[in-house]
Protein backbone atom coordinates (compact mmCIF):
# COMPACT_ATOMS: atom_id res chain seq x y z
CA MET A 1 8.67 -6.71 -0.67
CA ARG A 2 5.73 -5.52 -2.24
CA ILE A 3 2.59 -4.56 -0.59
CA THR A 4 -0.92 -4.78 -2.15
CA ILE A 5 -3.41 -1.64 -1.32
CA ARG A 6 -7.25 -2.52 -2.10
CA SER A 7 -9.74 -0.38 -1.98
CA LEU A 8 -11.92 0.38 0.81
CA ASP A 9 -14.85 -1.34 -2.09
CA ASP A 10 -13.49 -4.83 -3.70
CA ASP A 11 -15.14 -3.67 -6.41
CA GLY A 12 -13.82 -0.33 -6.50
CA SER A 13 -12.93 1.80 -9.11
CA GLU A 14 -9.33 2.73 -10.53
CA PHE A 15 -9.74 6.31 -8.89
CA GLU A 16 -10.95 4.41 -5.43
CA THR A 17 -7.86 2.54 -5.64
CA ASP A 18 -4.85 5.33 -6.53
CA GLN A 19 -6.42 7.44 -4.30
CA GLU A 20 -5.78 4.32 -1.76
CA LEU A 21 -2.19 4.02 -3.22
CA HIS A 22 -1.13 7.21 -2.97
CA ARG A 23 -3.14 7.27 0.64
CA ALA A 24 -0.87 4.43 1.33
CA PHE A 25 2.36 6.35 0.35
CA VAL A 26 1.61 9.39 2.60
CA VAL A 27 1.18 6.66 6.09
CA LEU A 28 4.15 4.93 4.80
CA HIS A 29 6.54 8.06 4.73
CA ASN A 30 4.71 9.59 8.55
CA ALA A 31 5.89 6.19 9.52
CA LEU A 32 9.12 6.69 8.43
CA ILE A 33 9.19 3.72 6.58
CA ARG A 34 11.04 3.35 3.48
CA THR A 35 9.86 2.22 -0.20
CA ARG A 36 11.48 1.32 -3.76
CA GLY A 37 8.40 2.22 -5.71
CA GLY A 38 5.22 1.36 -6.53
CA GLY A 39 1.85 2.70 -8.58
CA ARG A 40 -0.67 -0.47 -10.66
CA PHE A 41 1.37 -2.45 -12.36
CA ALA A 42 -0.23 -4.88 -15.08
CA ASP A 43 -2.20 -6.92 -13.31
CA SER A 44 -4.20 -3.80 -12.41
CA SER A 45 -3.43 -4.11 -8.88
CA ALA A 46 -1.84 -1.87 -7.13
CA ALA A 47 0.75 -2.27 -5.00
CA ILE A 48 4.30 -0.64 -2.79
CA ILE A 49 7.46 -2.05 -2.83
CA LEU A 50 9.22 -1.43 0.66
CA ALA A 51 12.63 -0.67 0.61
CA HIS A 52 13.64 -2.87 3.63
CA GLU A 53 12.11 -7.00 4.07
CA SER A 54 12.09 -6.38 8.22
CA ASP A 55 10.12 -2.95 7.76
CA GLY A 56 6.61 -5.40 6.51
CA PRO A 57 5.22 -5.82 9.69
CA LEU A 58 5.80 -2.58 10.83
CA ALA A 59 4.13 -0.74 8.01
CA LEU A 60 0.76 -3.66 7.38
CA ALA A 61 0.40 -2.38 11.45
CA ALA A 62 0.57 0.59 9.83
CA LEU A 63 -1.75 0.72 6.81
CA LYS A 64 -4.46 -0.94 9.34
CA GLU A 65 -4.88 1.53 11.44
CA ALA A 66 -5.37 4.20 9.08
CA GLY A 67 -8.03 2.30 7.79
CA ILE A 68 -6.33 0.61 4.64
CA ARG A 69 -6.94 -3.17 3.09
CA ALA A 70 -3.50 -3.60 2.54
CA LEU A 71 -1.44 -7.58 2.36
CA THR A 72 1.98 -8.92 1.48
CA SER A 73 2.27 -11.02 -1.79
């Protein structure tokens, strides 16, 4: 499952988006949710790929609690 990470501001810079992406990885790691990887993609999106589809709802809840804007795609 792919989780797209967005900066706090819709007009956020690449640096801000990268910071949010890094923070999202830390949140998921601390929640013991395994990932396959992630980063910035050719379409300029930032996303994390979960190791298990079933972790999707838990991952979104953990990210929401941390104040990270995320959605599945």
